[in-house]
N, C-alpha and C. Protein backbone atom coordinates (compact mmCIF):
# COMPACT_ATOMS: atom_id res chain seq x y z
N MET A 1 -7.20 12.33 -0.04
CA MET A 1 -5.41 13.07 0.08
C MET A 1 -5.11 11.83 1.04
N ASP A 2 -4.64 11.74 0.67
CA ASP A 2 -3.40 10.59 1.26
C ASP A 2 -2.41 11.38 2.73
N GLU A 3 -3.36 10.36 3.59
CA GLU A 3 -3.19 10.82 4.54
C GLU A 3 -1.63 10.54 5.31
N ASP A 4 -0.80 9.34 4.69
CA ASP A 4 0.51 8.99 5.17
C ASP A 4 1.55 10.21 4.80
N LEU A 5 1.10 11.07 3.46
CA LEU A 5 1.82 11.98 3.14
C LEU A 5 1.43 13.53 3.66
N ILE A 6 0.52 13.03 3.99
CA ILE A 6 0.13 14.59 5.03
C ILE A 6 0.82 14.93 6.40
N ARG A 7 0.95 13.32 6.71
CA ARG A 7 1.68 13.15 8.42
C ARG A 7 2.94 13.24 7.98
N PHE A 8 3.21 12.69 7.00
CA PHE A 8 4.98 12.97 7.15
C PHE A 8 5.76 14.88 6.51
N ALA A 9 4.40 15.39 5.65
CA ALA A 9 4.99 16.70 5.66
C ALA A 9 4.88 17.24 6.99
N SER A 10 3.74 16.78 7.99
CA SER A 10 3.58 17.73 9.06
C SER A 10 4.35 17.42 9.68
N ASN A 11 5.40 15.81 9.89
CA ASN A 11 5.90 15.97 10.58
C ASN A 11 7.63 16.83 10.07
N GLU A 12 7.38 16.76 9.45
CA GLU A 12 9.23 17.56 9.02
C GLU A 12 8.58 19.22 9.08
N ILE A 13 7.90 19.30 8.93
CA ILE A 13 7.35 20.98 9.09
C ILE A 13 8.06 21.11 10.48
N ILE A 14 7.02 20.33 11.34
CA ILE A 14 7.47 20.38 12.74
C ILE A 14 8.76 20.21 13.03
N ASN A 15 9.61 19.41 12.73
CA ASN A 15 10.82 19.50 13.17
C ASN A 15 11.54 20.15 12.26
N HIS A 16 11.46 20.94 11.25
CA HIS A 16 11.71 21.76 11.07
C HIS A 16 11.71 22.94 11.67
N VAL A 17 10.39 23.31 12.19
CA VAL A 17 10.68 24.32 13.23
C VAL A 17 10.80 24.37 14.56
N ASN A 18 11.18 23.02 14.89
CA ASN A 18 11.39 23.00 16.67
C ASN A 18 13.44 23.46 16.44
N ALA A 19 14.07 22.59 14.88
CA ALA A 19 15.58 22.82 15.03
C ALA A 19 15.54 24.55 14.14
N ASN A 20 14.76 24.92 14.27
CA ASN A 20 14.85 26.63 13.54
C ASN A 20 13.68 27.43 13.77
N PRO A 21 13.30 27.59 15.59
CA PRO A 21 12.39 28.06 16.00
C PRO A 21 11.35 29.74 15.71
N GLU A 22 12.64 30.83 15.09
CA GLU A 22 12.42 31.80 14.56
C GLU A 22 11.99 31.98 13.27
N SER A 23 12.06 30.53 12.27
CA SER A 23 11.59 30.80 11.08
C SER A 23 10.71 30.84 10.82
N ALA A 24 10.13 30.48 9.14
CA ALA A 24 8.66 32.01 8.64
C ALA A 24 8.69 31.63 7.70
N ASP A 25 7.84 31.29 6.43
CA ASP A 25 7.96 31.29 5.14
C ASP A 25 6.51 30.85 4.51
N THR A 26 6.98 30.95 3.16
CA THR A 26 5.63 30.80 2.29
C THR A 26 4.89 29.68 2.31
N VAL A 27 4.19 29.27 1.52
CA VAL A 27 3.37 27.68 1.43
C VAL A 27 4.55 27.18 0.56
N GLN A 28 5.00 27.77 -0.56
CA GLN A 28 5.42 27.74 -1.57
C GLN A 28 7.28 27.34 -1.15
N GLY A 29 7.67 28.18 -0.10
CA GLY A 29 8.50 28.08 0.29
C GLY A 29 9.19 26.77 1.45
N ILE A 30 8.07 26.73 2.23
CA ILE A 30 7.83 25.32 3.35
C ILE A 30 8.23 23.85 2.18
N HIS A 31 7.28 24.11 1.02
CA HIS A 31 7.07 22.99 0.49
C HIS A 31 8.12 23.03 -0.42
N GLN A 32 9.03 23.43 -0.47
CA GLN A 32 10.17 23.50 -1.53
C GLN A 32 11.28 23.22 -0.26
N TRP A 33 11.28 24.11 0.96
CA TRP A 33 12.97 23.73 1.47
C TRP A 33 12.95 23.20 2.90
N TRP A 34 11.74 22.99 3.22
CA TRP A 34 11.94 22.40 4.58
C TRP A 34 10.76 20.88 4.71
N ILE A 35 10.59 20.77 3.41
CA ILE A 35 9.85 19.29 3.96
C ILE A 35 11.27 18.90 3.06
N GLN A 36 12.00 17.50 3.25
CA GLN A 36 12.36 16.73 2.49
C GLN A 36 12.10 14.99 1.94
N TRP A 37 11.18 15.52 0.21
CA TRP A 37 10.06 14.94 0.11
C TRP A 37 11.23 13.13 -0.08
N PRO A 38 10.57 12.06 -0.16
CA PRO A 38 11.56 11.30 -0.19
C PRO A 38 12.00 10.63 -1.86
N ASN A 39 11.31 11.16 -3.00
CA ASN A 39 11.47 10.64 -4.05
C ASN A 39 11.22 12.84 -4.51
N PHE A 40 10.52 12.75 -5.54
CA PHE A 40 9.53 13.92 -5.79
C PHE A 40 8.63 14.64 -5.26
N PRO A 41 8.92 15.69 -5.04
CA PRO A 41 7.76 16.79 -4.14
C PRO A 41 6.49 16.33 -4.86
N GLU A 42 5.36 16.35 -3.92
CA GLU A 42 4.43 15.64 -3.88
C GLU A 42 4.06 17.65 -4.40
N SER A 43 1.93 17.53 -4.38
CA SER A 43 1.54 18.61 -4.39
C SER A 43 1.82 19.38 -3.74
N THR A 44 1.37 20.69 -3.47
CA THR A 44 1.70 21.67 -2.41
C THR A 44 0.54 21.99 -1.66
N GLN A 45 -0.73 20.72 -2.35
CA GLN A 45 -1.82 20.46 -1.45
C GLN A 45 -1.50 19.57 -0.30
N VAL A 46 -0.50 19.38 -0.89
CA VAL A 46 -0.49 18.29 0.77
C VAL A 46 0.23 19.10 1.61
N THR A 47 1.00 20.15 1.42
CA THR A 47 2.00 20.97 2.37
C THR A 47 0.82 22.22 2.91
N VAL A 48 -0.55 22.67 2.05
CA VAL A 48 -1.41 22.93 2.41
C VAL A 48 -1.86 22.57 3.59
N THR A 49 -2.56 20.94 3.20
CA THR A 49 -3.67 20.78 4.61
C THR A 49 -2.29 20.33 6.09
N ALA A 50 -1.42 19.86 5.78
CA ALA A 50 -0.43 20.04 6.50
C ALA A 50 -0.66 21.61 7.23
N LEU A 51 -0.23 21.70 6.94
CA LEU A 51 -0.23 23.32 7.12
C LEU A 51 -2.00 23.39 8.47
N GLU A 52 -2.46 23.41 7.77
CA GLU A 52 -4.16 23.60 8.18
C GLU A 52 -4.48 22.34 9.33
N GLN A 53 -3.54 21.87 9.39
CA GLN A 53 -3.88 20.74 10.68
C GLN A 53 -2.90 21.28 11.67
N LEU A 54 -1.51 21.56 11.43
CA LEU A 54 -0.93 21.39 12.18
C LEU A 54 -2.00 23.66 12.80
N GLN A 55 -2.44 24.40 12.24
CA GLN A 55 -2.96 25.35 12.89
C GLN A 55 -4.21 24.94 13.73
N ARG A 56 -4.92 23.94 12.93
CA ARG A 56 -5.68 23.56 14.05
C ARG A 56 -5.15 23.08 15.22
N ASP A 57 -4.05 22.24 16.04
CA ASP A 57 -3.96 21.60 16.20
C ASP A 57 -2.86 22.97 17.43
N GLY A 58 -2.99 24.15 16.54
CA GLY A 58 -2.35 24.94 17.65
C GLY A 58 -0.90 25.12 17.11
N LEU A 59 -0.34 24.13 16.88
CA LEU A 59 1.02 24.40 16.29
C LEU A 59 1.66 25.47 15.36
N MET A 60 1.04 25.49 14.54
CA MET A 60 1.77 26.41 13.19
C MET A 60 0.58 27.96 13.23
N GLU A 61 0.80 29.36 12.64
CA GLU A 61 0.15 30.10 12.22
C GLU A 61 0.52 30.97 11.33
N MET A 62 -0.56 31.01 10.51
CA MET A 62 -0.10 32.80 9.54
C MET A 62 -0.11 33.89 10.03
N VAL A 63 0.70 33.89 9.44
CA VAL A 63 1.04 35.84 9.56
C VAL A 63 1.10 36.75 8.57
N GLY A 64 0.63 37.82 8.02
CA GLY A 64 0.32 38.82 6.58
C GLY A 64 1.88 39.33 7.13
N ALA A 65 2.18 39.20 5.84
CA ALA A 65 3.48 39.67 5.64
C ALA A 65 3.23 40.79 4.02
N GLY A 66 2.84 41.73 4.74
CA GLY A 66 2.16 42.41 2.97
C GLY A 66 0.97 41.90 2.43
N ASN A 67 1.32 41.22 1.64
CA ASN A 67 0.24 40.69 0.42
C ASN A 67 0.24 38.77 0.43
N ARG A 68 1.12 38.46 1.05
CA ARG A 68 1.47 37.04 1.15
C ARG A 68 1.52 36.35 2.96
N GLY A 69 1.10 35.66 2.81
CA GLY A 69 0.98 35.01 4.37
C GLY A 69 2.29 34.62 4.44
N LEU A 70 2.58 34.47 5.47
CA LEU A 70 4.11 33.61 5.96
C LEU A 70 3.51 32.46 7.44
N TRP A 71 4.07 31.30 7.26
CA TRP A 71 4.03 30.31 8.15
C TRP A 71 4.74 30.16 9.31
N ARG A 72 4.57 29.92 10.60
CA ARG A 72 6.10 29.99 11.68
C ARG A 72 5.26 29.45 12.73
N ARG A 73 6.14 28.73 13.76
CA ARG A 73 5.47 28.05 14.91
C ARG A 73 4.84 28.97 15.62
N ARG A 74 3.44 28.55 15.55
CA ARG A 74 2.65 29.85 16.79
C ARG A 74 3.11 30.28 18.22
N ARG A 75 3.34 31.20 17.90
CA ARG A 75 3.67 32.37 18.94
C ARG A 75 2.75 31.89 20.46
N GLU A 76 3.22 32.74 22.12
CA GLU A 76 2.61 32.06 23.42
C GLU A 76 1.60 33.99 23.10
C-alpha cells in the first residue's frame, strides 16, 4: 500500500480530531467526511490502515456503538 497515501490520511484524521476533539465516526464516515482527498477518494483500506497505525501510536481508539465501531481521538 502507498505509504504517502496512508500518511496523508493519517494527517487528515489528526487535523480533524484536533479541530473537533469530541468527534467520532465509522470508518466509512471518516473516509468520506474527515479526509479531503485531493482527487477521487482512495480505497477505504487506506483509511483503515491509517486508523490502525494511529491506534498503535496511541492517538486514536475504536469504541463500540451498538453493532458497529466508532473511531475517536484516544481518551485518557
